Amino acid sequence: MPKAVIIPQIGGPEVLRIEDIPSKQPGPGEARIRVEAVGLNRAEALYMRGAYFEQPKLPSRVGYEAAGVVDAVGEGVDPTWIGKRAASVPGFSMNTNGVIGEEAIVPADTLGEYPAKLTAVEGAAVWMQYMTAYGALIHYGKLTGGDFVIIPAASSSVGLAAIQIARAEGAISIATTRSSKKKQELLDLGAQHVIATEEEDLVAKVKEITGGKGARLIFDPVAGPFLEKLAQAAAPGGTIFEYGLLSMQPTPFPLIAAMSKGLKIQGYTLMEIRHDPTLLSKAKKYIFDRLEDGRFHPKIAKTFPLSQVVEAYQYLESNAQVGKVVITV
C-alpha cells in the first residue's frame, strides 16, 4: 500500500503522520501521479492549523504540488497523459486530493507538464510560485518594461518567481526582507534592489530608487500594519496586490494614502487563474516557455525525505529558507 501524509488533528507540523493507505484508481476527470517530489507551501501550514480557506475534514490528506509520472487517468481524461512527467497546479481540495505521499489523485485539469530538463524536485517548485506571481503581475498588473515593483518577503519561492518575472519583462524589482542577512543572496538571484525593512526606511529607500515616483505595482504576502508603509511607497494610481497574511495581524486600511494617490488595493489568490480554463492555459504556456528557455529557474532551498515531513514543515515555518522546500519520495 502507498504511504501518505495524514492530518489526524488540528495543529502544527508535529501532528502529521505517515500512514499506509489503499491505492486508488482515478475517477472521472481525475489523474493519478506516481509521486517523486512534493513542493511545500504556507497554504498547507495554515490548512493543518484550520486557518486556511478550506477546513480539514479529519483525518485529512495534505499537500498541493506533487511532481512525478502520470500512471493512470479516469473517464473523460486524455489517455496520452499516461507516462508523462507532470506536476499538479494548486487550487483543488486538499480534503479529497491532498498529494503528499507516494501516490496522488488530482483533477486532470490541474496537470501541468514541465520541461524535461527539470528534475522532479524542480518540477515540484513550479506551479504555485510562478502562477501566483503571473496572475498578479502579468494578468492583472500588466507589468511592463521600466515598471518599478516592490516584492515583500522576497526570499519565498513566490517572491523569487516575482523577481524572475520582473527581470524577464524588463521591470525593476525592489525586493524586501526583514534583515540584511539574505540581502546579497537576493541580489545574486536577480533582484535589482533589496531593502532590509528592519534596518532601513522602506519609504525613503523606494523614493530614492524610483526618483520620487514610487512603485506602480506592489506584490505583498505580508499585510498587517506593513500595508501602511507599502501604500506610502506606492506611486500615484498604483496597485497593491495582497495575496497573503504572513504578519497574522489585523490589516488597517491605509485610507489617507489610498485616497490621496488613488491607489487600488486588490485581494488576490491563485484560484482566480486556476479556475478559468482560458487563463490557466495561457499561464501554463507563459511559464513553461520561460522555464524551457532558461529565463525562469526554480530555486530549491532544501530537500527532505518523506520520513522527515514534520521537520520539513518546521523548516518552512522557520523563515530560514531562500526558495522552495521540497520533499522527495
C-alpha atoms as a PDB file:
ATOM      1  CA  MET A   1       0.000   0.000   0.000  1.00  0.00           C
ATOM      2  CA  PRO A   2       1.284   3.513  -0.753  1.00  0.00           C
ATOM      3  CA  LYS A   3       2.366   5.765   2.090  1.00  0.00           C
ATOM      4  CA  ALA A   4       0.603   9.106   2.592  1.00  0.00           C
ATOM      5  CA  VAL A   5       0.890  12.028   4.995  1.00  0.00           C
ATOM      6  CA  ILE A   6      -2.243  12.430   7.116  1.00  0.00           C
ATOM      7  CA  ILE A   7      -3.535  15.200   9.400  1.00  0.00           C
ATOM      8  CA  PRO A   8      -5.254  13.337  12.266  1.00  0.00           C
ATOM      9  CA  GLN A   9      -5.961  16.500  14.297  1.00  0.00           C
ATOM     10  CA  ILE A  10      -5.651  20.268  14.008  1.00  0.00           C
ATOM     11  CA  GLY A  11      -2.212  21.585  14.894  1.00  0.00           C
ATOM     12  CA  GLY A  12       1.269  22.398  13.660  1.00  0.00           C
ATOM     13  CA  PRO A  13       3.681  20.145  11.768  1.00  0.00           C
ATOM     14  CA  GLU A  14       4.079  17.916  14.813  1.00  0.00           C
ATOM     15  CA  VAL A  15       0.601  16.418  14.258  1.00  0.00           C
ATOM     16  CA  LEU A  16       1.449  14.997  10.821  1.00  0.00           C
ATOM     17  CA  ARG A  17       1.535  11.211  10.464  1.00  0.00           C
ATOM     18  CA  ILE A  18       2.720   8.888   7.713  1.00  0.00           C
ATOM     19  CA  GLU A  19       0.301   6.018   7.136  1.00  0.00           C
ATOM     20  CA  ASP A  20      -0.243   3.214   4.649  1.00  0.00           C
ATOM     21  CA  ILE A  21      -3.427   3.775   2.652  1.00  0.00           C
ATOM     22  CA  PRO A  22      -5.181   1.726  -0.048  1.00  0.00           C
ATOM     23  CA  SER A  23      -4.133   2.513  -3.616  1.00  0.00           C
ATOM     24  CA  LYS A  24      -6.909   4.283  -5.564  1.00  0.00           C
ATOM     25  CA  GLN A  25      -7.937   4.463  -9.191  1.00  0.00           C
ATOM     26  CA  PRO A  26      -8.672   7.936 -10.558  1.00  0.00           C
ATOM     27  CA  GLY A  27     -12.348   8.754 -11.013  1.00  0.00           C
ATOM     28  CA  PRO A  28     -13.953  10.678 -13.871  1.00  0.00           C
ATOM     29  CA  GLY A  29     -11.922  13.789 -14.676  1.00  0.00           C
ATOM     30  CA  GLU A  30      -9.017  12.707 -12.457  1.00  0.00           C
ATOM     31  CA  ALA A  31      -5.458  11.507 -12.952  1.00  0.00           C
ATOM     32  CA  ARG A  32      -3.019   9.627 -10.736  1.00  0.00           C
ATOM     33  CA  ILE A  33       0.570  10.703 -10.241  1.00  0.00           C
ATOM     34  CA  ARG A  34       3.302   8.340  -9.104  1.00  0.00           C
ATOM     35  CA  VAL A  35       4.888  10.937  -6.863  1.00  0.00           C
ATOM     36  CA  GLU A  36       8.613  11.666  -6.855  1.00  0.00           C
ATOM     37  CA  ALA A  37       8.677  15.053  -5.113  1.00  0.00           C
ATOM     38  CA  VAL A  38       6.293  17.472  -3.409  1.00  0.00           C
ATOM     39  CA  GLY A  39       6.757  21.223  -3.007  1.00  0.00           C
ATOM     40  CA  LEU A  40       5.695  22.660   0.349  1.00  0.00           C
ATOM     41  CA  ASN A  41       3.676  25.837   0.769  1.00  0.00           C
ATOM     42  CA  ARG A  42       2.448  28.038   3.593  1.00  0.00           C
ATOM     43  CA  ALA A  43      -1.089  27.300   2.442  1.00  0.00           C
ATOM     44  CA  GLU A  44      -0.669  23.781   3.822  1.00  0.00           C
ATOM     45  CA  ALA A  45       0.755  25.065   7.099  1.00  0.00           C
ATOM     46  CA  LEU A  46      -2.398  27.163   7.506  1.00  0.00           C
ATOM     47  CA  TYR A  47      -4.604  24.261   6.400  1.00  0.00           C
ATOM     48  CA  MET A  48      -3.280  21.878   9.052  1.00  0.00           C
ATOM     49  CA  ARG A  49      -3.976  24.554  11.687  1.00  0.00           C
ATOM     50  CA  GLY A  50      -7.538  25.083  10.483  1.00  0.00           C
ATOM     51  CA  ALA A  51      -6.716  28.638   9.384  1.00  0.00           C
ATOM     52  CA  TYR A  52      -6.989  28.231   5.593  1.00  0.00           C
ATOM     53  CA  PHE A  53      -9.879  28.907   3.178  1.00  0.00           C
ATOM     54  CA  GLU A  54     -10.775  25.213   3.387  1.00  0.00           C
ATOM     55  CA  GLN A  55     -11.213  23.439   6.717  1.00  0.00           C
ATOM     56  CA  PRO A  56      -9.752  19.915   7.089  1.00  0.00           C
ATOM     57  CA  LYS A  57     -12.260  17.100   7.464  1.00  0.00           C
ATOM     58  CA  LEU A  58     -10.259  14.892   9.779  1.00  0.00           C
ATOM     59  CA  PRO A  59      -8.436  12.719   9.119  1.00  0.00           C
ATOM     60  CA  SER A  60      -7.307  14.566   6.006  1.00  0.00           C
ATOM     61  CA  ARG A  61      -4.514  14.336   3.495  1.00  0.00           C
ATOM     62  CA  VAL A  62      -2.486  17.454   2.777  1.00  0.00           C
ATOM     63  CA  GLY A  63      -0.358  18.947   0.022  1.00  0.00           C
ATOM     64  CA  TYR A  64      -0.809  20.784  -3.270  1.00  0.00           C
ATOM     65  CA  GLU A  65       2.260  20.375  -5.503  1.00  0.00           C
ATOM     66  CA  ALA A  66       3.187  16.814  -6.477  1.00  0.00           C
ATOM     67  CA  ALA A  67       5.601  16.093  -9.315  1.00  0.00           C
ATOM     68  CA  GLY A  68       6.135  12.710 -10.898  1.00  0.00           C
ATOM     69  CA  VAL A  69       4.795  10.459 -13.623  1.00  0.00           C
ATOM     70  CA  VAL A  70       1.120  10.178 -14.560  1.00  0.00           C
ATOM     71  CA  ASP A  71       0.375   6.436 -14.388  1.00  0.00           C
ATOM     72  CA  ALA A  72      -3.434   6.312 -14.687  1.00  0.00           C
ATOM     73  CA  VAL A  73      -6.327   8.513 -15.781  1.00  0.00           C
ATOM     74  CA  GLY A  74     -10.061   8.375 -15.216  1.00  0.00           C
ATOM     75  CA  GLU A  75     -13.002   8.558 -17.547  1.00  0.00           C
ATOM     76  CA  GLY A  76     -13.024  11.569 -19.833  1.00  0.00           C
ATOM     77  CA  VAL A  77      -9.299  12.298 -19.457  1.00  0.00           C
ATOM     78  CA  ASP A  78      -6.912  12.295 -22.417  1.00  0.00           C
ATOM     79  CA  PRO A  79      -5.060   8.953 -22.169  1.00  0.00           C
ATOM     80  CA  THR A  80      -1.917  10.441 -23.693  1.00  0.00           C
ATOM     81  CA  TRP A  81      -1.197  11.892 -20.227  1.00  0.00           C
ATOM     82  CA  ILE A  82      -0.130   8.398 -19.118  1.00  0.00           C
ATOM     83  CA  GLY A  83       3.642   8.199 -18.919  1.00  0.00           C
ATOM     84  CA  LYS A  84       4.167  11.960 -18.979  1.00  0.00           C
ATOM     85  CA  ARG A  85       6.084  13.840 -16.297  1.00  0.00           C
ATOM     86  CA  ALA A  86       3.861  16.478 -14.736  1.00  0.00           C
ATOM     87  CA  ALA A  87       3.130  18.373 -11.545  1.00  0.00           C
ATOM     88  CA  SER A  88      -0.177  19.405 -10.009  1.00  0.00           C
ATOM     89  CA  VAL A  89      -1.260  23.027 -10.158  1.00  0.00           C
ATOM     90  CA  PRO A  90      -2.630  24.065  -6.714  1.00  0.00           C
ATOM     91  CA  GLY A  91      -6.217  25.153  -6.283  1.00  0.00           C
ATOM     92  CA  PHE A  92      -8.136  21.946  -5.523  1.00  0.00           C
ATOM     93  CA  SER A  93      -9.482  20.461  -2.295  1.00  0.00           C
ATOM     94  CA  MET A  94      -6.807  19.019  -0.043  1.00  0.00           C
ATOM     95  CA  ASN A  95      -9.538  17.084   1.760  1.00  0.00           C
ATOM     96  CA  THR A  96     -10.149  14.994  -1.328  1.00  0.00           C
ATOM     97  CA  ASN A  97      -6.898  15.397  -3.269  1.00  0.00           C
ATOM     98  CA  GLY A  98      -4.029  16.049  -0.846  1.00  0.00           C
ATOM     99  CA  VAL A  99      -0.816  14.941  -2.556  1.00  0.00           C
ATOM    100  CA  ILE A 100       1.964  14.334  -0.030  1.00  0.00           C
ATOM    101  CA  GLY A 101       2.750  10.645  -0.294  1.00  0.00           C
ATOM    102  CA  GLU A 102       3.730   8.028  -2.825  1.00  0.00           C
ATOM    103  CA  GLU A 103       0.531   8.358  -4.860  1.00  0.00           C
ATOM    104  CA  ALA A 104      -1.680  11.357  -5.628  1.00  0.00           C
ATOM    105  CA  ILE A 105      -5.099  11.591  -7.261  1.00  0.00           C
ATOM    106  CA  VAL A 106      -5.691  15.082  -8.690  1.00  0.00           C
ATOM    107  CA  PRO A 107      -8.166  16.780 -11.044  1.00  0.00           C
ATOM    108  CA  ALA A 108      -6.749  16.173 -14.508  1.00  0.00           C
ATOM    109  CA  ASP A 109      -7.097  19.835 -15.462  1.00  0.00           C
ATOM    110  CA  THR A 110      -4.518  20.668 -12.785  1.00  0.00           C
ATOM    111  CA  LEU A 111      -1.798  18.637 -14.503  1.00  0.00           C
ATOM    112  CA  GLY A 112       1.000  20.810 -15.812  1.00  0.00           C
ATOM    113  CA  GLU A 113       3.908  19.455 -17.820  1.00  0.00           C
ATOM    114  CA  TYR A 114       7.270  20.958 -17.014  1.00  0.00           C
ATOM    115  CA  PRO A 115      10.335  20.975 -19.297  1.00  0.00           C
ATOM    116  CA  ALA A 116      12.216  17.674 -19.492  1.00  0.00           C
ATOM    117  CA  LYS A 117      15.433  19.372 -18.418  1.00  0.00           C
ATOM    118  CA  LEU A 118      13.980  19.970 -14.934  1.00  0.00           C
ATOM    119  CA  THR A 119      14.287  17.350 -12.211  1.00  0.00           C
ATOM    120  CA  ALA A 120      11.212  16.185 -10.301  1.00  0.00           C
ATOM    121  CA  VAL A 121      12.382  18.300  -7.350  1.00  0.00           C
ATOM    122  CA  GLU A 122      12.445  21.367  -9.593  1.00  0.00           C
ATOM    123  CA  GLY A 123       9.144  20.345 -11.178  1.00  0.00           C
ATOM    124  CA  ALA A 124       7.557  20.376  -7.713  1.00  0.00           C
ATOM    125  CA  ALA A 125       8.679  24.002  -7.359  1.00  0.00           C
ATOM    126  CA  VAL A 126       6.960  25.447 -10.436  1.00  0.00           C
ATOM    127  CA  TRP A 127       3.239  25.999 -10.385  1.00  0.00           C
ATOM    128  CA  MET A 128       2.379  27.617  -7.046  1.00  0.00           C
ATOM    129  CA  GLN A 129       5.151  30.167  -7.232  1.00  0.00           C
ATOM    130  CA  TYR A 130       5.149  31.170 -10.881  1.00  0.00           C
ATOM    131  CA  MET A 131       1.396  31.050 -11.393  1.00  0.00           C
ATOM    132  CA  THR A 132       0.714  33.092  -8.254  1.00  0.00           C
ATOM    133  CA  ALA A 133       3.139  35.786  -9.411  1.00  0.00           C
ATOM    134  CA  TYR A 134       1.925  35.580 -13.021  1.00  0.00           C
ATOM    135  CA  GLY A 135      -1.704  36.251 -12.114  1.00  0.00           C
ATOM    136  CA  ALA A 136      -0.969  39.396 -10.149  1.00  0.00           C
ATOM    137  CA  LEU A 137       1.909  40.871 -12.126  1.00  0.00           C
ATOM    138  CA  ILE A 138       1.157  39.840 -15.709  1.00  0.00           C
ATOM    139  CA  HIS A 139      -2.585  39.172 -15.976  1.00  0.00           C
ATOM    140  CA  TYR A 140      -3.885  41.894 -13.652  1.00  0.00           C
ATOM    141  CA  GLY A 141      -0.886  44.198 -13.228  1.00  0.00           C
ATOM    142  CA  LYS A 142       0.156  44.349 -16.913  1.00  0.00           C
ATOM    143  CA  LEU A 143       3.787  44.580 -15.810  1.00  0.00           C
ATOM    144  CA  THR A 144       5.969  46.134 -18.477  1.00  0.00           C
ATOM    145  CA  GLY A 145       9.482  47.393 -19.086  1.00  0.00           C
ATOM    146  CA  GLY A 146      10.538  50.202 -16.763  1.00  0.00           C
ATOM    147  CA  ASP A 147       7.894  49.493 -14.122  1.00  0.00           C
ATOM    148  CA  PHE A 148       9.016  49.512 -10.506  1.00  0.00           C
ATOM    149  CA  VAL A 149       7.591  46.619  -8.485  1.00  0.00           C
ATOM    150  CA  ILE A 150       8.010  46.081  -4.741  1.00  0.00           C
ATOM    151  CA  ILE A 151       8.215  42.427  -3.712  1.00  0.00           C
ATOM    152  CA  PRO A 152       7.955  41.909   0.076  1.00  0.00           C
ATOM    153  CA  ALA A 153       9.047  38.571   1.622  1.00  0.00           C
ATOM    154  CA  ALA A 154      11.178  38.191  -1.482  1.00  0.00           C
ATOM    155  CA  SER A 155      13.114  35.143  -0.256  1.00  0.00           C
ATOM    156  CA  SER A 156       9.994  32.977  -0.505  1.00  0.00           C
ATOM    157  CA  SER A 157       9.542  30.830  -3.595  1.00  0.00           C
ATOM    158  CA  VAL A 158       6.746  33.129  -4.820  1.00  0.00           C
ATOM    159  CA  GLY A 159       8.894  36.185  -4.140  1.00  0.00           C
ATOM    160  CA  LEU A 160      11.757  34.731  -6.184  1.00  0.00           C
ATOM    161  CA  ALA A 161       9.346  33.894  -9.005  1.00  0.00           C
ATOM    162  CA  ALA A 162       8.165  37.520  -8.977  1.00  0.00           C
ATOM    163  CA  ILE A 163      11.782  38.707  -9.213  1.00  0.00           C
ATOM    164  CA  GLN A 164      12.339  36.461 -12.233  1.00  0.00           C
ATOM    165  CA  ILE A 165       9.127  37.652 -13.908  1.00  0.00           C
ATOM    166  CA  ALA A 166      10.074  41.288 -13.339  1.00  0.00           C
ATOM    167  CA  ARG A 167      13.504  40.737 -14.870  1.00  0.00           C
ATOM    168  CA  ALA A 168      12.059  38.844 -17.846  1.00  0.00           C
ATOM    169  CA  GLU A 169       9.635  41.710 -18.549  1.00  0.00           C
ATOM    170  CA  GLY A 170      12.266  44.434 -18.211  1.00  0.00           C
ATOM    171  CA  ALA A 171      10.786  45.788 -14.970  1.00  0.00           C
ATOM    172  CA  ILE A 172      12.790  46.878 -11.919  1.00  0.00           C
ATOM    173  CA  SER A 173      12.304  44.755  -8.799  1.00  0.00           C
ATOM    174  CA  ILE A 174      12.629  46.174  -5.310  1.00  0.00           C
ATOM    175  CA  ALA A 175      12.813  43.143  -3.039  1.00  0.00           C
ATOM    176  CA  THR A 176      12.252  43.454   0.691  1.00  0.00           C
ATOM    177  CA  THR A 177      13.424  41.238   3.509  1.00  0.00           C
ATOM    178  CA  ARG A 178      13.398  41.875   7.220  1.00  0.00           C
ATOM    179  CA  SER A 179      17.170  41.890   7.820  1.00  0.00           C
ATOM    180  CA  SER A 180      20.280  42.222   5.671  1.00  0.00           C
ATOM    181  CA  LYS A 181      21.078  38.519   6.239  1.00  0.00           C
ATOM    182  CA  LYS A 182      19.526  37.494   2.896  1.00  0.00           C
ATOM    183  CA  LYS A 183      20.285  40.720   1.044  1.00  0.00           C
ATOM    184  CA  GLN A 184      23.269  39.606  -1.041  1.00  0.00           C
ATOM    185  CA  GLU A 185      21.655  36.312  -1.978  1.00  0.00           C
ATOM    186  CA  LEU A 186      18.562  38.116  -3.251  1.00  0.00           C
ATOM    187  CA  LEU A 187      20.759  40.384  -5.346  1.00  0.00           C
ATOM    188  CA  ASP A 188      22.598  37.336  -6.682  1.00  0.00           C
ATOM    189  CA  LEU A 189      19.222  35.786  -7.579  1.00  0.00           C
ATOM    190  CA  GLY A 190      18.240  38.729  -9.754  1.00  0.00           C
ATOM    191  CA  ALA A 191      16.701  41.458  -7.602  1.00  0.00           C
ATOM    192  CA  GLN A 192      17.876  44.879  -8.785  1.00  0.00           C
ATOM    193  CA  HIS A 193      17.382  46.411  -5.324  1.00  0.00           C
ATOM    194  CA  VAL A 194      16.926  44.928  -1.841  1.00  0.00           C
ATOM    195  CA  ILE A 195      15.654  46.782   1.231  1.00  0.00           C
ATOM    196  CA  ALA A 196      16.075  45.338   4.751  1.00  0.00           C
ATOM    197  CA  THR A 197      12.910  46.698   6.344  1.00  0.00           C
ATOM    198  CA  GLU A 198      14.018  46.323   9.970  1.00  0.00           C
ATOM    199  CA  GLU A 199      17.226  48.238   9.249  1.00  0.00           C
ATOM    200  CA  GLU A 200      16.265  50.741   6.543  1.00  0.00           C
ATOM    201  CA  ASP A 201      13.446  53.218   5.913  1.00  0.00           C
ATOM    202  CA  LEU A 202      11.328  51.498   3.271  1.00  0.00           C
ATOM    203  CA  VAL A 203       9.520  54.620   2.070  1.00  0.00           C
ATOM    204  CA  ALA A 204      12.685  56.723   1.844  1.00  0.00           C
ATOM    205  CA  LYS A 205      14.606  53.983   0.027  1.00  0.00           C
ATOM    206  CA  VAL A 206      11.815  53.434  -2.511  1.00  0.00           C
ATOM    207  CA  LYS A 207      11.660  57.169  -3.206  1.00  0.00           C
ATOM    208  CA  GLU A 208      15.423  57.191  -3.724  1.00  0.00           C
ATOM    209  CA  ILE A 209      15.344  54.178  -6.070  1.00  0.00           C
ATOM    210  CA  THR A 210      12.375  55.424  -8.114  1.00  0.00           C
ATOM    211  CA  GLY A 211      13.402  59.073  -8.310  1.00  0.00           C
ATOM    212  CA  GLY A 212      10.484  60.038  -6.086  1.00  0.00           C
ATOM    213  CA  LYS A 213       7.859  58.312  -8.248  1.00  0.00           C
ATOM    214  CA  GLY A 214       7.099  55.311  -6.038  1.00  0.00           C
ATOM    215  CA  ALA A 215       6.299  51.793  -7.261  1.00  0.00           C
ATOM    216  CA  ARG A 216       3.407  51.219  -9.677  1.00  0.00           C
ATOM    217  CA  LEU A 217       2.953  47.601  -8.539  1.00  0.00           C
ATOM    218  CA  ILE A 218       3.363  46.004  -5.119  1.00  0.00           C
ATOM    219  CA  PHE A 219       3.052  42.233  -4.672  1.00  0.00           C
ATOM    220  CA  ASP A 220       2.557  41.666  -0.959  1.00  0.00           C
ATOM    221  CA  PRO A 221       2.033  38.476   1.119  1.00  0.00           C
ATOM    222  CA  VAL A 222       2.673  40.187   4.478  1.00  0.00           C
ATOM    223  CA  ALA A 223      -0.289  42.564   5.049  1.00  0.00           C
ATOM    224  CA  GLY A 224      -0.927  43.712   8.646  1.00  0.00           C
ATOM    225  CA  PRO A 225       0.391  47.144   9.670  1.00  0.00           C
ATOM    226  CA  PHE A 226       3.074  46.845   6.946  1.00  0.00           C
ATOM    227  CA  LEU A 227       0.420  47.761   4.372  1.00  0.00           C
ATOM    228  CA  GLU A 228       0.539  51.393   5.501  1.00  0.00           C
ATOM    229  CA  LYS A 229       4.239  51.665   4.602  1.00  0.00           C
ATOM    230  CA  LEU A 230       3.651  49.981   1.269  1.00  0.00           C
ATOM    231  CA  ALA A 231       0.877  52.454   0.485  1.00  0.00           C
ATOM    232  CA  GLN A 232       3.237  55.328   1.258  1.00  0.00           C
ATOM    233  CA  ALA A 233       5.826  53.784  -1.092  1.00  0.00           C
ATOM    234  CA  ALA A 234       3.336  53.276  -3.937  1.00  0.00           C
ATOM    235  CA  ALA A 235       3.155  55.513  -6.973  1.00  0.00           C
ATOM    236  CA  PRO A 236       0.009  57.569  -7.652  1.00  0.00           C
ATOM    237  CA  GLY A 237      -2.508  55.291  -9.359  1.00  0.00           C
ATOM    238  CA  GLY A 238      -0.542  52.230  -8.252  1.00  0.00           C
ATOM    239  CA  THR A 239      -1.889  48.808  -7.303  1.00  0.00           C
ATOM    240  CA  ILE A 240      -1.080  46.771  -4.203  1.00  0.00           C
ATOM    241  CA  PHE A 241      -1.854  43.065  -4.563  1.00  0.00           C
ATOM    242  CA  GLU A 242      -2.487  41.375  -1.212  1.00  0.00           C
ATOM    243  CA  TYR A 243      -2.094  37.613  -1.577  1.00  0.00           C
ATOM    244  CA  GLY A 244      -1.212  36.503   1.952  1.00  0.00           C
ATOM    245  CA  LEU A 245      -1.226  37.325   5.661  1.00  0.00           C
ATOM    246  CA  LEU A 246       2.230  36.408   6.901  1.00  0.00           C
ATOM    247  CA  SER A 247       2.026  39.052   9.615  1.00  0.00           C
ATOM    248  CA  MET A 248      -1.041  37.316  11.150  1.00  0.00           C
ATOM    249  CA  GLN A 249      -2.083  40.755  12.446  1.00  0.00           C
ATOM    250  CA  PRO A 250      -5.106  42.923  11.654  1.00  0.00           C
ATOM    251  CA  THR A 251      -4.661  44.914   8.433  1.00  0.00           C
ATOM    252  CA  PRO A 252      -5.806  48.535   8.823  1.00  0.00           C
ATOM    253  CA  PHE A 253      -6.856  50.146   5.528  1.00  0.00           C
ATOM    254  CA  PRO A 254      -4.389  52.966   4.602  1.00  0.00           C
ATOM    255  CA  LEU A 255      -7.168  55.410   3.824  1.00  0.00           C
ATOM    256  CA  ILE A 256      -5.208  58.654   3.527  1.00  0.00           C
ATOM    257  CA  ALA A 257      -2.550  57.239   1.204  1.00  0.00           C
ATOM    258  CA  ALA A 258      -5.178  55.380  -0.816  1.00  0.00           C
ATOM    259  CA  MET A 259      -7.318  58.499  -1.264  1.00  0.00           C
ATOM    260  CA  SER A 260      -4.502  60.945  -1.937  1.00  0.00           C
ATOM    261  CA  LYS A 261      -2.854  58.659  -4.512  1.00  0.00           C
ATOM    262  CA  GLY A 262      -5.889  56.914  -5.969  1.00  0.00           C
ATOM    263  CA  LEU A 263      -4.459  53.545  -5.020  1.00  0.00           C
ATOM    264  CA  LYS A 264      -6.050  50.210  -5.805  1.00  0.00           C
ATOM    265  CA  ILE A 265      -5.633  47.576  -3.067  1.00  0.00           C
ATOM    266  CA  GLN A 266      -6.641  44.237  -4.519  1.00  0.00           C
ATOM    267  CA  GLY A 267      -7.035  40.900  -2.774  1.00  0.00           C
ATOM    268  CA  TYR A 268      -5.794  38.066  -4.953  1.00  0.00           C
ATOM    269  CA  THR A 269      -5.234  34.305  -4.926  1.00  0.00           C
ATOM    270  CA  LEU A 270      -4.012  31.756  -7.440  1.00  0.00           C
ATOM    271  CA  MET A 271      -7.552  30.332  -7.610  1.00  0.00           C
ATOM    272  CA  GLU A 272      -8.561  33.224  -9.885  1.00  0.00           C
ATOM    273  CA  ILE A 273      -6.246  31.824 -12.570  1.00  0.00           C
ATOM    274  CA  ARG A 274      -6.698  28.148 -11.686  1.00  0.00           C
ATOM    275  CA  HIS A 275     -10.478  28.112 -12.185  1.00  0.00           C
ATOM    276  CA  ASP A 276     -10.553  29.944 -15.528  1.00  0.00           C
ATOM    277  CA  PRO A 277      -9.574  27.401 -18.233  1.00  0.00           C
ATOM    278  CA  THR A 278      -8.502  30.074 -20.720  1.00  0.00           C
ATOM    279  CA  LEU A 279      -6.348  31.946 -18.201  1.00  0.00           C
ATOM    280  CA  LEU A 280      -4.921  28.688 -16.838  1.00  0.00           C
ATOM    281  CA  SER A 281      -3.837  27.540 -20.279  1.00  0.00           C
ATOM    282  CA  LYS A 282      -2.269  30.913 -21.051  1.00  0.00           C
ATOM    283  CA  ALA A 283      -0.422  30.961 -17.713  1.00  0.00           C
ATOM    284  CA  LYS A 284       0.895  27.412 -18.189  1.00  0.00           C
ATOM    285  CA  LYS A 285       2.331  28.312 -21.589  1.00  0.00           C
ATOM    286  CA  TYR A 286       3.891  31.562 -20.342  1.00  0.00           C
ATOM    287  CA  ILE A 287       5.618  29.721 -17.506  1.00  0.00           C
ATOM    288  CA  PHE A 288       6.629  26.618 -19.492  1.00  0.00           C
ATOM    289  CA  ASP A 289       8.209  28.670 -22.290  1.00  0.00           C
ATOM    290  CA  ARG A 290      10.342  30.685 -19.871  1.00  0.00           C
ATOM    291  CA  LEU A 291      11.398  27.599 -17.935  1.00  0.00           C
ATOM    292  CA  GLU A 292      12.357  25.995 -21.239  1.00  0.00           C
ATOM    293  CA  ASP A 293      14.495  28.892 -22.459  1.00  0.00           C
ATOM    294  CA  GLY A 294      16.128  29.499 -19.078  1.00  0.00           C
ATOM    295  CA  ARG A 295      14.631  32.858 -18.156  1.00  0.00           C
ATOM    296  CA  PHE A 296      12.963  31.127 -15.206  1.00  0.00           C
ATOM    297  CA  HIS A 297      14.588  28.580 -12.935  1.00  0.00           C
ATOM    298  CA  PRO A 298      13.180  27.418  -9.581  1.00  0.00           C
ATOM    299  CA  LYS A 299      15.450  27.927  -6.583  1.00  0.00           C
ATOM    300  CA  ILE A 300      15.436  24.981  -4.186  1.00  0.00           C
ATOM    301  CA  ALA A 301      16.214  25.911  -0.592  1.00  0.00           C
ATOM    302  CA  LYS A 302      16.361  22.413   0.883  1.00  0.00           C
ATOM    303  CA  THR A 303      15.008  18.908   0.345  1.00  0.00           C
ATOM    304  CA  PHE A 304      13.802  16.415   2.945  1.00  0.00           C
ATOM    305  CA  PRO A 305      12.847  12.744   2.586  1.00  0.00           C
ATOM    306  CA  LEU A 306       9.195  11.824   3.114  1.00  0.00           C
ATOM    307  CA  SER A 307      10.084  10.355   6.506  1.00  0.00           C
ATOM    308  CA  GLN A 308      11.063  13.875   7.666  1.00  0.00           C
ATOM    309  CA  VAL A 309       7.854  15.663   6.675  1.00  0.00           C
ATOM    310  CA  VAL A 310       7.481  17.141  10.167  1.00  0.00           C
ATOM    311  CA  GLU A 311      10.989  18.604  10.051  1.00  0.00           C
ATOM    312  CA  ALA A 312      10.378  19.885   6.523  1.00  0.00           C
ATOM    313  CA  TYR A 313       7.345  21.949   7.554  1.00  0.00           C
ATOM    314  CA  GLN A 314       9.136  23.161  10.678  1.00  0.00           C
ATOM    315  CA  TYR A 315      11.949  24.392   8.443  1.00  0.00           C
ATOM    316  CA  LEU A 316       9.432  26.090   6.139  1.00  0.00           C
ATOM    317  CA  GLU A 317       7.938  27.929   9.104  1.00  0.00           C
ATOM    318  CA  SER A 318      11.361  28.980  10.417  1.00  0.00           C
ATOM    319  CA  ASN A 319      11.721  31.520   7.573  1.00  0.00           C
ATOM    320  CA  ALA A 320      15.368  30.499   7.245  1.00  0.00           C
ATOM    321  CA  GLN A 321      14.975  29.376   3.651  1.00  0.00           C
ATOM    322  CA  VAL A 322      15.574  31.195   0.381  1.00  0.00           C
ATOM    323  CA  GLY A 323      13.459  29.422  -2.220  1.00  0.00           C
ATOM    324  CA  LYS A 324      11.365  26.263  -2.180  1.00  0.00           C
ATOM    325  CA  VAL A 325      11.314  23.495   0.420  1.00  0.00           C
ATOM    326  CA  VAL A 326      10.708  20.128  -1.250  1.00  0.00           C
ATOM    327  CA  ILE A 327      10.006  16.587  -0.005  1.00  0.00           C
ATOM    328  CA  THR A 328      11.456  13.712  -2.012  1.00  0.00           C
ATOM    329  CA  VAL A 329       9.504  10.472  -2.213  1.00  0.00           C
END
